[in-house]
Amino acid sequence: MRTLLRRKKIELELLNKNFEGAEEALAENSLLAYNTDRAHLIMQKAAKLSQDHLAAHLSSIVTQAIQAVIRKPYEFVCEFVERRGSTEADLYLLRGGDRFEILGGTGGGLADVISFSLKVAYLLLSNVDKVLIIDEVSRHINSPEQRERFAEVLKRLSSEFEIQLILNTTIPEILAVADSVIELQQVGDVSKIKKIT
């Protein structure tokens, strides 16, 4: 019976040591979980601040381009929202407190300016070569005055931010501000250079 009692006592001591070890491991895991949750919250706050900064930057760049070319009091808004477990960007216009979809009744010229401005903003905010190739950059801008202002915006942005713009266009106002113009001629199924100025 003594032997059995000693064995049970040894088993009890081992169980107590294992229990103490388990308590310590539980405390360490609880601390790790707490720190992980805090780190996750900090990362979420940092991401939100970055998104807010990016949204303000994009909104400012595009709004300035709209006002320089279209000269109507539209404000471009980029808003990052959480949907379906991921972050999405809502892009829309405000005018007099009313919200407008970019392609919904505001005119194609405005959409051309917004599209171009977003491409320039992307180049400025990213770490890529500053080369932009665009086909018919302003095909929906009908007013000659707006086309002239848009051409000036193209020229100014290209110069100020050292962006190489390669544009396919027949718009005279844009051709007038180009550093060089390559005129192509289609011969059969092949495009050939007709003239370089």
C-alpha atoms as a PDB file:
ATOM      1  CA  MET A   1       0.000   0.000   0.000  1.00  0.00           C
ATOM      2  CA  ARG A   2       2.890   2.363   0.723  1.00  0.00           C
ATOM      3  CA  THR A   3       4.297   1.670  -2.685  1.00  0.00           C
ATOM      4  CA  LEU A   4       0.970   2.420  -4.247  1.00  0.00           C
ATOM      5  CA  LEU A   5       0.655   5.601  -2.197  1.00  0.00           C
ATOM      6  CA  ARG A   6       4.180   6.751  -3.286  1.00  0.00           C
ATOM      7  CA  ARG A   7       3.350   6.050  -6.911  1.00  0.00           C
ATOM      8  CA  LYS A   8       0.117   8.013  -6.662  1.00  0.00           C
ATOM      9  CA  LYS A   9       1.994  10.841  -4.922  1.00  0.00           C
ATOM     10  CA  ILE A  10       4.599  10.884  -7.758  1.00  0.00           C
ATOM     11  CA  GLU A  11       1.801  10.820 -10.327  1.00  0.00           C
ATOM     12  CA  LEU A  12       0.088  13.710  -8.522  1.00  0.00           C
ATOM     13  CA  GLU A  13       3.330  15.725  -8.516  1.00  0.00           C
ATOM     14  CA  LEU A  14       3.776  15.062 -12.256  1.00  0.00           C
ATOM     15  CA  LEU A  15       0.183  16.090 -12.885  1.00  0.00           C
ATOM     16  CA  ASN A  16       0.723  19.278 -10.868  1.00  0.00           C
ATOM     17  CA  LYS A  17       3.897  20.073 -12.863  1.00  0.00           C
ATOM     18  CA  ASN A  18       2.071  19.376 -16.130  1.00  0.00           C
ATOM     19  CA  PHE A  19      -0.830  21.541 -14.958  1.00  0.00           C
ATOM     20  CA  GLU A  20       1.573  24.377 -14.031  1.00  0.00           C
ATOM     21  CA  GLY A  21       3.257  24.017 -17.450  1.00  0.00           C
ATOM     22  CA  ALA A  22      -0.143  24.075 -19.140  1.00  0.00           C
ATOM     23  CA  GLU A  23      -1.129  27.189 -17.171  1.00  0.00           C
ATOM     24  CA  GLU A  24       2.117  28.898 -18.213  1.00  0.00           C
ATOM     25  CA  ALA A  25       1.582  27.881 -21.866  1.00  0.00           C
ATOM     26  CA  LEU A  26      -2.012  29.133 -21.686  1.00  0.00           C
ATOM     27  CA  ALA A  27      -0.838  32.457 -20.241  1.00  0.00           C
ATOM     28  CA  GLU A  28       1.828  32.770 -22.979  1.00  0.00           C
ATOM     29  CA  ASN A  29      -0.704  31.902 -25.691  1.00  0.00           C
ATOM     30  CA  SER A  30      -3.214  34.373 -24.260  1.00  0.00           C
ATOM     31  CA  LEU A  31      -0.558  37.105 -24.306  1.00  0.00           C
ATOM     32  CA  LEU A  32       0.418  36.143 -27.848  1.00  0.00           C
ATOM     33  CA  ALA A  33      -3.241  36.264 -28.954  1.00  0.00           C
ATOM     34  CA  TYR A  34      -3.683  39.669 -27.262  1.00  0.00           C
ATOM     35  CA  ASN A  35      -0.557  41.057 -28.946  1.00  0.00           C
ATOM     36  CA  THR A  36      -1.616  39.584 -32.294  1.00  0.00           C
ATOM     37  CA  ASP A  37      -5.038  41.237 -31.997  1.00  0.00           C
ATOM     38  CA  ARG A  38      -3.406  44.566 -31.105  1.00  0.00           C
ATOM     39  CA  ALA A  39      -0.987  44.289 -34.041  1.00  0.00           C
ATOM     40  CA  HIS A  40      -3.909  43.493 -36.353  1.00  0.00           C
ATOM     41  CA  LEU A  41      -5.824  46.564 -35.137  1.00  0.00           C
ATOM     42  CA  ILE A  42      -2.746  48.760 -35.600  1.00  0.00           C
ATOM     43  CA  MET A  43      -2.279  47.423 -39.140  1.00  0.00           C
ATOM     44  CA  GLN A  44      -5.965  48.076 -39.919  1.00  0.00           C
ATOM     45  CA  LYS A  45      -5.659  51.658 -38.660  1.00  0.00           C
ATOM     46  CA  ALA A  46      -2.465  52.206 -40.671  1.00  0.00           C
ATOM     47  CA  ALA A  47      -4.140  50.782 -43.804  1.00  0.00           C
ATOM     48  CA  LYS A  48      -7.161  53.042 -43.269  1.00  0.00           C
ATOM     49  CA  LEU A  49      -4.925  56.098 -42.884  1.00  0.00           C
ATOM     50  CA  SER A  50      -3.052  55.139 -46.071  1.00  0.00           C
ATOM     51  CA  GLN A  51      -6.320  54.628 -47.925  1.00  0.00           C
ATOM     52  CA  ASP A  52      -7.674  57.970 -46.718  1.00  0.00           C
ATOM     53  CA  HIS A  53      -4.461  59.706 -47.792  1.00  0.00           C
ATOM     54  CA  LEU A  54      -4.539  58.016 -51.200  1.00  0.00           C
ATOM     55  CA  ALA A  55      -8.233  58.838 -51.669  1.00  0.00           C
ATOM     56  CA  ALA A  56      -7.615  62.504 -50.850  1.00  0.00           C
ATOM     57  CA  HIS A  57      -4.667  62.610 -53.255  1.00  0.00           C
ATOM     58  CA  LEU A  58      -6.598  60.981 -56.113  1.00  0.00           C
ATOM     59  CA  SER A  59      -9.644  63.159 -55.498  1.00  0.00           C
ATOM     60  CA  SER A  60      -7.539  66.318 -55.530  1.00  0.00           C
ATOM     61  CA  ILE A  61      -5.623  65.468 -58.729  1.00  0.00           C
ATOM     62  CA  VAL A  62      -8.745  64.506 -60.673  1.00  0.00           C
ATOM     63  CA  THR A  63     -10.845  67.418 -59.365  1.00  0.00           C
ATOM     64  CA  GLN A  64      -8.159  69.905 -60.411  1.00  0.00           C
ATOM     65  CA  ALA A  65      -8.062  68.420 -63.922  1.00  0.00           C
ATOM     66  CA  ILE A  66     -11.863  68.555 -64.209  1.00  0.00           C
ATOM     67  CA  GLN A  67     -11.950  72.181 -63.136  1.00  0.00           C
ATOM     68  CA  ALA A  68      -9.093  73.117 -65.475  1.00  0.00           C
ATOM     69  CA  VAL A  69     -10.708  71.529 -68.536  1.00  0.00           C
ATOM     70  CA  ILE A  70     -14.474  71.292 -68.032  1.00  0.00           C
ATOM     71  CA  ARG A  71     -14.802  74.329 -65.725  1.00  0.00           C
ATOM     72  CA  LYS A  72     -17.919  73.069 -64.024  1.00  0.00           C
ATOM     73  CA  PRO A  73     -18.092  72.662 -60.234  1.00  0.00           C
ATOM     74  CA  TYR A  74     -17.756  68.887 -60.146  1.00  0.00           C
ATOM     75  CA  GLU A  75     -15.780  67.345 -57.306  1.00  0.00           C
ATOM     76  CA  PHE A  76     -14.300  63.909 -57.919  1.00  0.00           C
ATOM     77  CA  VAL A  77     -14.526  61.548 -54.946  1.00  0.00           C
ATOM     78  CA  CYS A  78     -12.554  58.378 -54.340  1.00  0.00           C
ATOM     79  CA  GLU A  79     -13.871  56.499 -51.330  1.00  0.00           C
ATOM     80  CA  PHE A  80     -12.493  53.194 -50.045  1.00  0.00           C
ATOM     81  CA  VAL A  81     -15.166  50.919 -48.575  1.00  0.00           C
ATOM     82  CA  GLU A  82     -15.211  47.410 -47.117  1.00  0.00           C
ATOM     83  CA  ARG A  83     -17.396  44.950 -49.033  1.00  0.00           C
ATOM     84  CA  ARG A  84     -17.463  41.172 -49.075  1.00  0.00           C
ATOM     85  CA  GLY A  85     -14.320  40.948 -46.956  1.00  0.00           C
ATOM     86  CA  SER A  86     -12.182  43.190 -49.168  1.00  0.00           C
ATOM     87  CA  THR A  87     -11.552  46.851 -49.828  1.00  0.00           C
ATOM     88  CA  GLU A  88     -13.099  48.426 -52.923  1.00  0.00           C
ATOM     89  CA  ALA A  89     -12.908  51.964 -54.308  1.00  0.00           C
ATOM     90  CA  ASP A  90     -16.095  53.857 -55.077  1.00  0.00           C
ATOM     91  CA  LEU A  91     -15.485  56.592 -57.668  1.00  0.00           C
ATOM     92  CA  TYR A  92     -18.140  59.238 -58.218  1.00  0.00           C
ATOM     93  CA  LEU A  93     -18.774  62.954 -58.707  1.00  0.00           C
ATOM     94  CA  LEU A  94     -20.390  65.539 -56.454  1.00  0.00           C
ATOM     95  CA  ARG A  95     -22.012  68.712 -57.722  1.00  0.00           C
ATOM     96  CA  GLY A  96     -24.103  70.949 -55.519  1.00  0.00           C
ATOM     97  CA  GLY A  97     -24.405  68.172 -52.951  1.00  0.00           C
ATOM     98  CA  ASP A  98     -25.761  65.703 -55.533  1.00  0.00           C
ATOM     99  CA  ARG A  99     -23.920  62.490 -56.350  1.00  0.00           C
ATOM    100  CA  PHE A 100     -23.365  61.479 -59.986  1.00  0.00           C
ATOM    101  CA  GLU A 101     -21.987  58.336 -61.536  1.00  0.00           C
ATOM    102  CA  ILE A 102     -19.059  59.111 -63.821  1.00  0.00           C
ATOM    103  CA  LEU A 103     -20.604  57.504 -66.904  1.00  0.00           C
ATOM    104  CA  GLY A 104     -24.197  58.303 -65.995  1.00  0.00           C
ATOM    105  CA  GLY A 105     -25.345  61.383 -67.832  1.00  0.00           C
ATOM    106  CA  THR A 106     -22.372  63.654 -67.116  1.00  0.00           C
ATOM    107  CA  GLY A 107     -20.946  63.429 -70.627  1.00  0.00           C
ATOM    108  CA  GLY A 108     -18.133  61.493 -72.235  1.00  0.00           C
ATOM    109  CA  GLY A 109     -15.752  64.455 -72.206  1.00  0.00           C
ATOM    110  CA  LEU A 110     -15.840  64.533 -68.425  1.00  0.00           C
ATOM    111  CA  ALA A 111     -15.193  60.775 -68.340  1.00  0.00           C
ATOM    112  CA  ASP A 112     -12.195  61.301 -70.693  1.00  0.00           C
ATOM    113  CA  VAL A 113     -10.706  63.887 -68.317  1.00  0.00           C
ATOM    114  CA  ILE A 114     -11.295  61.641 -65.288  1.00  0.00           C
ATOM    115  CA  SER A 115      -9.835  58.587 -67.018  1.00  0.00           C
ATOM    116  CA  PHE A 116      -6.711  60.458 -68.076  1.00  0.00           C
ATOM    117  CA  SER A 117      -6.286  62.054 -64.636  1.00  0.00           C
ATOM    118  CA  LEU A 118      -6.553  58.705 -62.882  1.00  0.00           C
ATOM    119  CA  LYS A 119      -3.891  57.267 -65.177  1.00  0.00           C
ATOM    120  CA  VAL A 120      -1.582  60.187 -64.401  1.00  0.00           C
ATOM    121  CA  ALA A 121      -2.312  59.856 -60.663  1.00  0.00           C
ATOM    122  CA  TYR A 122      -1.454  56.151 -60.854  1.00  0.00           C
ATOM    123  CA  LEU A 123       1.881  56.972 -62.484  1.00  0.00           C
ATOM    124  CA  LEU A 124       2.662  59.623 -59.879  1.00  0.00           C
ATOM    125  CA  LEU A 125       1.743  57.423 -56.918  1.00  0.00           C
ATOM    126  CA  SER A 126       3.407  54.226 -58.094  1.00  0.00           C
ATOM    127  CA  ASN A 127       6.921  53.084 -58.770  1.00  0.00           C
ATOM    128  CA  VAL A 128       6.586  52.484 -62.510  1.00  0.00           C
ATOM    129  CA  ASP A 129       8.120  54.113 -65.562  1.00  0.00           C
ATOM    130  CA  LYS A 130       6.397  57.377 -66.302  1.00  0.00           C
ATOM    131  CA  VAL A 131       5.238  56.455 -69.791  1.00  0.00           C
ATOM    132  CA  LEU A 132       1.595  56.619 -70.757  1.00  0.00           C
ATOM    133  CA  ILE A 133       0.270  55.324 -74.086  1.00  0.00           C
ATOM    134  CA  ILE A 134      -3.330  56.313 -74.809  1.00  0.00           C
ATOM    135  CA  ASP A 135      -5.587  55.874 -77.833  1.00  0.00           C
ATOM    136  CA  GLU A 136      -7.947  58.811 -78.524  1.00  0.00           C
ATOM    137  CA  VAL A 137      -7.396  60.489 -75.164  1.00  0.00           C
ATOM    138  CA  SER A 138     -10.117  63.107 -75.655  1.00  0.00           C
ATOM    139  CA  ARG A 139     -12.477  61.723 -78.263  1.00  0.00           C
ATOM    140  CA  HIS A 140     -15.593  62.837 -76.337  1.00  0.00           C
ATOM    141  CA  ILE A 141     -14.531  66.412 -75.610  1.00  0.00           C
ATOM    142  CA  ASN A 142     -16.531  68.361 -78.167  1.00  0.00           C
ATOM    143  CA  SER A 143     -15.913  71.999 -77.292  1.00  0.00           C
ATOM    144  CA  PRO A 144     -12.818  73.494 -78.999  1.00  0.00           C
ATOM    145  CA  GLU A 145     -12.154  75.573 -75.848  1.00  0.00           C
ATOM    146  CA  GLN A 146     -12.238  72.467 -73.662  1.00  0.00           C
ATOM    147  CA  ARG A 147      -9.975  70.605 -76.104  1.00  0.00           C
ATOM    148  CA  GLU A 148      -7.477  73.514 -75.942  1.00  0.00           C
ATOM    149  CA  ARG A 149      -7.558  73.511 -72.135  1.00  0.00           C
ATOM    150  CA  PHE A 150      -7.187  69.727 -72.094  1.00  0.00           C
ATOM    151  CA  ALA A 151      -4.204  69.950 -74.454  1.00  0.00           C
ATOM    152  CA  GLU A 152      -2.609  72.481 -72.101  1.00  0.00           C
ATOM    153  CA  VAL A 153      -3.222  70.159 -69.125  1.00  0.00           C
ATOM    154  CA  LEU A 154      -1.553  67.326 -71.066  1.00  0.00           C
ATOM    155  CA  LYS A 155       1.442  69.505 -71.884  1.00  0.00           C
ATOM    156  CA  ARG A 156       1.759  70.887 -68.334  1.00  0.00           C
ATOM    157  CA  LEU A 157       1.498  67.475 -66.629  1.00  0.00           C
ATOM    158  CA  SER A 158       3.952  65.921 -69.053  1.00  0.00           C
ATOM    159  CA  SER A 159       6.472  68.687 -68.420  1.00  0.00           C
ATOM    160  CA  GLU A 160       5.932  69.136 -64.677  1.00  0.00           C
ATOM    161  CA  PHE A 161       6.017  65.449 -63.760  1.00  0.00           C
ATOM    162  CA  GLU A 162       8.314  64.254 -66.572  1.00  0.00           C
ATOM    163  CA  ILE A 163       5.700  61.909 -68.019  1.00  0.00           C
ATOM    164  CA  GLN A 164       6.278  60.627 -71.537  1.00  0.00           C
ATOM    165  CA  LEU A 165       2.886  60.750 -73.261  1.00  0.00           C
ATOM    166  CA  ILE A 166       2.413  58.778 -76.451  1.00  0.00           C
ATOM    167  CA  LEU A 167      -1.009  59.600 -77.857  1.00  0.00           C
ATOM    168  CA  ASN A 168      -2.958  58.376 -80.855  1.00  0.00           C
ATOM    169  CA  THR A 169      -5.170  61.305 -81.850  1.00  0.00           C
ATOM    170  CA  THR A 170      -6.494  63.395 -84.694  1.00  0.00           C
ATOM    171  CA  ILE A 171      -7.543  66.286 -82.409  1.00  0.00           C
ATOM    172  CA  PRO A 172      -5.844  69.443 -83.786  1.00  0.00           C
ATOM    173  CA  GLU A 173      -5.590  71.119 -80.364  1.00  0.00           C
ATOM    174  CA  ILE A 174      -3.612  68.172 -78.986  1.00  0.00           C
ATOM    175  CA  LEU A 175      -1.437  67.868 -82.078  1.00  0.00           C
ATOM    176  CA  ALA A 176      -0.609  71.583 -81.713  1.00  0.00           C
ATOM    177  CA  VAL A 177       1.055  71.081 -78.282  1.00  0.00           C
ATOM    178  CA  ALA A 178       2.884  67.847 -79.141  1.00  0.00           C
ATOM    179  CA  ASP A 179       6.690  67.821 -79.075  1.00  0.00           C
ATOM    180  CA  SER A 180       6.635  65.634 -82.184  1.00  0.00           C
ATOM    181  CA  VAL A 181       3.976  64.218 -84.445  1.00  0.00           C
ATOM    182  CA  ILE A 182       4.253  61.014 -86.425  1.00  0.00           C
ATOM    183  CA  GLU A 183       1.650  60.823 -89.163  1.00  0.00           C
ATOM    184  CA  LEU A 184       0.780  57.318 -90.311  1.00  0.00           C
ATOM    185  CA  GLN A 185      -0.715  56.197 -93.587  1.00  0.00           C
ATOM    186  CA  GLN A 186      -2.333  52.841 -94.183  1.00  0.00           C
ATOM    187  CA  VAL A 187      -1.080  51.112 -97.317  1.00  0.00           C
ATOM    188  CA  GLY A 188      -3.015  47.896 -97.792  1.00  0.00           C
ATOM    189  CA  ASP A 189      -2.895  46.077 -94.459  1.00  0.00           C
ATOM    190  CA  VAL A 190       0.222  47.918 -93.265  1.00  0.00           C
ATOM    191  CA  SER A 191       0.583  51.268 -91.509  1.00  0.00           C
ATOM    192  CA  LYS A 192       3.574  53.254 -92.712  1.00  0.00           C
ATOM    193  CA  ILE A 193       5.090  56.501 -91.515  1.00  0.00           C
ATOM    194  CA  LYS A 194       3.964  59.282 -93.792  1.00  0.00           C
ATOM    195  CA  LYS A 195       5.586  62.262 -92.065  1.00  0.00           C
ATOM    196  CA  ILE A 196       7.386  63.193 -88.829  1.00  0.00           C
ATOM    197  CA  THR A 197       7.269  66.770 -87.565  1.00  0.00           C
END
